[in-house]
């Protein structure tokens, strides 16, 4: 619930906040006292997300497609018009599609970079003036283990997420003399709609059972399980706390040790 807490007085903008990891992050930040603006492409999904937050949460929602520069500008203008001064930006909007490299056409390549990498760039650019003004700004980019290691059949997605980690590190150094920190959180396979879609694709392509497909993804994690959205949210929330001010330019793995191997 919003109210007294370590993030009381902070306003957080969470992209991709309507479901999955983004919604889990929103709930955790609200519980720590932050007020929120959720961004997402579907108005109905956003409405239900706001309703699902802890009772007493202070939250508004704005339709925004991070792949569309004008849409991002409108959303952040609406946030400012509502009187909110963002001190936290969480870039959680993302998309993943798979294809063999030979079948990765220009449209798929552009889509993966436009949503995952350029969308992050656009939202940071729109939010940065307010974050600098806040005196203790936080930028947390939800990347992926695909931002630090490779995976077959998702070359465009991997390239985009590597770009997010690179952007995080470069911008952290550029802003090191300011009160704004920039970090990335890199989840492994997480129990979200995105991964459930991947499971469906595996079943369709291979004829394996849903349980076998799920086990195959979980097996990549040395702990032999999928990460939960709440675990990712906890890492993001910690990076937003005052005591994390010396942590910047980091790509924090939430993956059960997958990237360590």
Protein backbone atom coordinates (compact mmCIF):
# COMPACT_ATOMS: atom_id res chain seq x y z
CA UNK A 1 0.00 0.00 0.00
CA UNK A 2 1.23 3.53 -0.77
CA UNK A 3 1.98 5.58 2.30
CA UNK A 4 4.87 5.80 4.79
CA UNK A 5 7.72 3.69 3.51
CA UNK A 6 11.23 4.00 2.12
CA UNK A 7 9.87 5.20 -1.24
CA UNK A 8 7.20 7.51 0.18
CA UNK A 9 7.23 10.71 -1.86
CA UNK A 10 8.71 8.97 -4.90
CA UNK A 11 6.83 8.63 -8.17
CA UNK A 12 7.67 5.64 -10.35
CA UNK A 13 6.92 5.19 -14.04
CA UNK A 14 6.74 1.51 -14.99
CA UNK A 15 6.53 0.60 -18.66
CA UNK A 16 4.97 -2.74 -19.49
CA UNK A 17 3.21 -2.31 -16.17
CA UNK A 18 -0.02 -4.06 -17.09
CA UNK A 19 1.09 -7.64 -16.57
CA UNK A 20 3.88 -10.04 -15.71
CA UNK A 21 7.14 -8.67 -14.39
CA UNK A 22 6.05 -5.05 -14.83
CA UNK A 23 2.93 -5.54 -12.74
CA UNK A 24 4.89 -7.37 -10.04
CA UNK A 25 7.34 -4.46 -9.94
CA UNK A 26 4.49 -1.97 -9.66
CA UNK A 27 3.01 -3.86 -6.72
CA UNK A 28 6.35 -4.00 -4.91
CA UNK A 29 7.05 -0.29 -5.41
CA UNK A 30 3.54 0.61 -4.23
CA UNK A 31 4.08 -1.51 -1.11
CA UNK A 32 7.22 0.53 -0.41
CA UNK A 33 5.26 3.77 -0.58
CA UNK A 34 5.78 5.00 -4.15
CA UNK A 35 3.01 6.46 -6.26
CA UNK A 36 2.87 5.06 -9.77
CA UNK A 37 2.18 5.66 -13.43
CA UNK A 38 1.76 2.44 -15.40
CA UNK A 39 2.37 2.44 -19.15
CA UNK A 40 1.18 -0.22 -21.56
CA UNK A 41 -0.43 -0.72 -24.95
CA UNK A 42 -3.83 -2.04 -23.86
CA UNK A 43 -6.21 0.19 -21.89
CA UNK A 44 -8.26 -2.70 -20.47
CA UNK A 45 -5.16 -4.54 -19.26
CA UNK A 46 -3.92 -1.38 -17.57
CA UNK A 47 -7.29 -0.84 -15.89
CA UNK A 48 -7.25 -4.33 -14.40
CA UNK A 49 -3.62 -3.89 -13.36
CA UNK A 50 -4.43 -0.73 -11.41
CA UNK A 51 -7.36 -2.49 -9.74
CA UNK A 52 -5.11 -5.37 -8.68
CA UNK A 53 -2.61 -3.22 -6.78
CA UNK A 54 -2.64 -3.13 -2.98
CA UNK A 55 -5.55 -1.23 -1.48
CA UNK A 56 -4.71 2.45 -1.12
CA UNK A 57 -2.12 2.49 -3.89
CA UNK A 58 -1.85 5.79 -5.72
CA UNK A 59 -1.64 4.89 -9.37
CA UNK A 60 -2.66 6.17 -12.78
CA UNK A 61 -2.23 4.54 -16.17
CA UNK A 62 -1.43 5.75 -19.66
CA UNK A 63 -1.70 3.94 -22.97
CA UNK A 64 1.75 3.93 -24.54
CA UNK A 65 3.52 1.97 -27.25
CA UNK A 66 7.24 2.28 -26.55
CA UNK A 67 7.97 1.46 -30.20
CA UNK A 68 6.27 4.73 -31.18
CA UNK A 69 8.22 7.88 -30.30
CA UNK A 70 5.12 10.09 -30.45
CA UNK A 71 3.23 7.73 -28.15
CA UNK A 72 6.05 7.89 -25.60
CA UNK A 73 6.10 11.68 -25.75
CA UNK A 74 2.33 11.85 -25.20
CA UNK A 75 2.45 9.49 -22.24
CA UNK A 76 5.20 11.36 -20.43
CA UNK A 77 3.54 14.70 -21.18
CA UNK A 78 0.34 13.34 -19.62
CA UNK A 79 2.27 12.22 -16.54
CA UNK A 80 3.74 15.71 -16.15
CA UNK A 81 0.35 17.36 -16.76
CA UNK A 82 -1.08 15.22 -13.95
CA UNK A 83 1.44 16.86 -11.63
CA UNK A 84 3.75 13.87 -11.22
CA UNK A 85 7.50 14.36 -11.03
CA UNK A 86 9.06 11.00 -11.71
CA UNK A 87 12.04 9.97 -9.62
CA UNK A 88 12.03 6.32 -10.74
CA UNK A 89 11.81 4.86 -14.24
CA UNK A 90 11.49 1.10 -14.73
CA UNK A 91 11.70 -0.03 -18.35
CA UNK A 92 9.87 -3.35 -18.30
CA UNK A 93 8.13 -3.25 -21.68
CA UNK A 94 9.47 -5.91 -24.00
CA UNK A 95 8.73 -8.48 -26.66
CA UNK A 96 10.36 -11.71 -27.79
CA UNK A 97 9.91 -13.59 -31.05
CA UNK A 98 11.91 -16.54 -32.29
CA UNK A 99 13.15 -17.49 -35.73
CA UNK A 100 16.19 -19.10 -37.26
CA UNK A 101 18.66 -16.42 -38.29
CA UNK A 102 18.09 -17.22 -41.97
CA UNK A 103 14.38 -16.53 -41.45
CA UNK A 104 14.88 -13.37 -39.39
CA UNK A 105 13.67 -10.76 -41.85
CA UNK A 106 14.00 -6.98 -41.64
CA UNK A 107 10.55 -6.62 -40.07
CA UNK A 108 11.29 -9.00 -37.20
CA UNK A 109 14.74 -7.50 -36.66
CA UNK A 110 13.36 -3.97 -36.49
CA UNK A 111 10.50 -4.99 -34.20
CA UNK A 112 12.79 -6.61 -31.63
CA UNK A 113 15.18 -3.68 -31.57
CA UNK A 114 12.42 -1.08 -31.68
CA UNK A 115 10.52 -2.46 -28.70
CA UNK A 116 13.34 -3.76 -26.52
CA UNK A 117 16.20 -1.35 -27.17
CA UNK A 118 14.85 1.79 -28.82
CA UNK A 119 11.80 1.72 -26.54
CA UNK A 120 14.13 1.82 -23.54
CA UNK A 121 16.08 4.69 -25.10
CA UNK A 122 12.90 6.67 -25.79
CA UNK A 123 11.53 6.33 -22.28
CA UNK A 124 14.83 7.25 -20.65
CA UNK A 125 15.10 10.30 -22.87
CA UNK A 126 11.56 11.37 -21.96
CA UNK A 127 12.01 10.79 -18.22
CA UNK A 128 15.56 12.00 -17.69
CA UNK A 129 14.90 15.72 -17.08
CA UNK A 130 12.52 14.89 -14.22
CA UNK A 131 14.88 12.25 -12.82
CA UNK A 132 17.76 14.72 -12.74
CA UNK A 133 15.53 17.28 -11.05
CA UNK A 134 14.40 14.75 -8.44
CA UNK A 135 17.77 14.72 -6.74
CA UNK A 136 17.87 10.93 -6.34
CA UNK A 137 16.70 9.43 -9.61
CA UNK A 138 16.69 5.74 -10.46
CA UNK A 139 16.59 4.05 -13.86
CA UNK A 140 16.17 0.28 -13.88
CA UNK A 141 16.08 -1.51 -17.22
CA UNK A 142 14.59 -5.00 -17.27
CA UNK A 143 16.94 -6.75 -19.67
CA UNK A 144 17.40 -10.54 -19.67
CA UNK A 145 20.04 -13.20 -19.39
CA UNK A 146 19.89 -12.74 -23.18
CA UNK A 147 21.62 -9.43 -22.52
CA UNK A 148 24.79 -11.18 -21.39
CA UNK A 149 24.78 -14.64 -23.02
CA UNK A 150 23.59 -16.00 -26.35
CA UNK A 151 20.61 -18.19 -27.21
CA UNK A 152 19.86 -19.82 -30.56
CA UNK A 153 16.87 -18.85 -32.69
CA UNK A 154 16.36 -15.46 -31.00
CA UNK A 155 19.25 -13.49 -32.49
CA UNK A 156 17.29 -10.25 -32.84
CA UNK A 157 16.06 -10.43 -29.25
CA UNK A 158 19.55 -11.25 -27.96
CA UNK A 159 21.06 -8.36 -29.92
CA UNK A 160 18.45 -5.98 -28.51
CA UNK A 161 18.94 -7.10 -24.91
CA UNK A 162 22.72 -6.90 -25.23
CA UNK A 163 22.09 -3.35 -26.41
CA UNK A 164 20.02 -2.62 -23.31
CA UNK A 165 22.86 -3.78 -21.06
CA UNK A 166 25.36 -1.73 -23.06
CA UNK A 167 23.15 1.35 -22.87
CA UNK A 168 22.80 0.82 -19.11
CA UNK A 169 26.55 0.74 -18.57
CA UNK A 170 27.32 3.69 -20.83
CA UNK A 171 24.59 5.91 -19.39
CA UNK A 172 25.56 5.00 -15.82
CA UNK A 173 29.04 6.37 -16.43
CA UNK A 174 27.70 9.44 -18.19
CA UNK A 175 25.40 10.20 -15.25
CA UNK A 176 27.80 9.15 -12.48
CA UNK A 177 28.34 12.75 -11.37
CA UNK A 178 24.58 13.27 -11.05
CA UNK A 179 22.15 11.82 -8.49
CA UNK A 180 20.74 9.37 -11.07
CA UNK A 181 21.77 5.71 -11.06
CA UNK A 182 21.26 3.36 -14.00
CA UNK A 183 21.12 -0.41 -13.64
CA UNK A 184 19.76 -3.45 -15.43
CA UNK A 185 18.09 -6.52 -13.99
CA UNK A 186 18.53 -9.65 -16.09
CA UNK A 187 15.97 -12.38 -15.40
CA UNK A 188 16.31 -15.89 -16.68
CA UNK A 189 13.24 -17.75 -17.91
CA UNK A 190 10.44 -16.27 -15.81
CA UNK A 191 6.91 -17.57 -15.27
CA UNK A 192 5.11 -14.95 -17.37
CA UNK A 193 2.91 -14.80 -20.46
CA UNK A 194 6.08 -14.38 -22.54
CA UNK A 195 7.50 -17.71 -21.38
CA UNK A 196 4.13 -19.41 -21.52
CA UNK A 197 4.02 -18.31 -25.17
CA UNK A 198 7.45 -19.86 -25.69
CA UNK A 199 6.17 -23.10 -24.17
CA UNK A 200 3.21 -23.07 -26.57
CA UNK A 201 5.61 -22.59 -29.50
CA UNK A 202 7.77 -25.50 -28.38
CA UNK A 203 4.71 -27.74 -28.14
CA UNK A 204 3.56 -26.68 -31.62
CA UNK A 205 6.99 -27.16 -33.23
CA UNK A 206 8.08 -30.36 -31.55
CA UNK A 207 4.93 -32.17 -30.46
CA UNK A 208 6.27 -32.40 -26.92
CA UNK A 209 3.86 -32.11 -24.02
CA UNK A 210 3.41 -28.79 -22.26
CA UNK A 211 4.98 -30.26 -19.12
CA UNK A 212 8.04 -31.41 -21.09
CA UNK A 213 8.40 -28.02 -22.77
CA UNK A 214 8.16 -26.24 -19.43
CA UNK A 215 10.73 -28.60 -17.92
CA UNK A 216 13.09 -27.95 -20.84
CA UNK A 217 13.06 -24.22 -20.13
CA UNK A 218 13.35 -24.71 -16.37
CA UNK A 219 16.33 -27.02 -16.93
CA UNK A 220 18.38 -24.05 -18.19
CA UNK A 221 18.24 -22.69 -14.64
CA UNK A 222 20.74 -24.51 -12.37
CA UNK A 223 18.04 -24.41 -9.69
CA UNK A 224 15.80 -26.33 -12.14
CA UNK A 225 12.85 -23.96 -11.94
CA UNK A 226 11.41 -20.86 -13.57
CA UNK A 227 12.08 -17.53 -11.89
CA UNK A 228 9.01 -15.86 -10.39
CA UNK A 229 8.01 -12.28 -11.31
CA UNK A 230 8.09 -11.39 -7.60
CA UNK A 231 11.77 -12.34 -7.42
CA UNK A 232 12.57 -9.97 -10.26
CA UNK A 233 10.44 -7.27 -8.62
CA UNK A 234 12.40 -7.60 -5.38
CA UNK A 235 15.69 -6.97 -7.19
CA UNK A 236 14.26 -3.96 -9.00
CA UNK A 237 12.78 -2.53 -5.81
CA UNK A 238 16.10 -2.76 -3.99
CA UNK A 239 17.80 -0.79 -6.76
CA UNK A 240 15.22 1.96 -6.23
CA UNK A 241 15.90 2.33 -2.51
CA UNK A 242 18.07 5.14 -1.10
CA UNK A 243 20.68 2.68 0.20
CA UNK A 244 21.46 1.50 -3.35
CA UNK A 245 22.86 4.87 -4.41
CA UNK A 246 26.40 3.50 -4.90
CA UNK A 247 25.16 0.75 -7.21
CA UNK A 248 25.18 1.90 -10.83
CA UNK A 249 26.12 0.46 -14.19
CA UNK A 250 25.36 -3.08 -13.05
CA UNK A 251 23.60 -5.94 -14.80
CA UNK A 252 22.15 -7.97 -11.94
CA UNK A 253 21.31 -11.57 -12.73
CA UNK A 254 18.08 -13.06 -11.39
CA UNK A 255 18.51 -16.44 -13.02
CA UNK A 256 19.34 -19.16 -10.50
CA UNK A 257 22.97 -19.03 -11.65
CA UNK A 258 22.33 -19.65 -15.35
CA UNK A 259 24.66 -16.93 -16.62
CA UNK A 260 27.40 -17.96 -14.18
CA UNK A 261 28.09 -21.11 -16.18
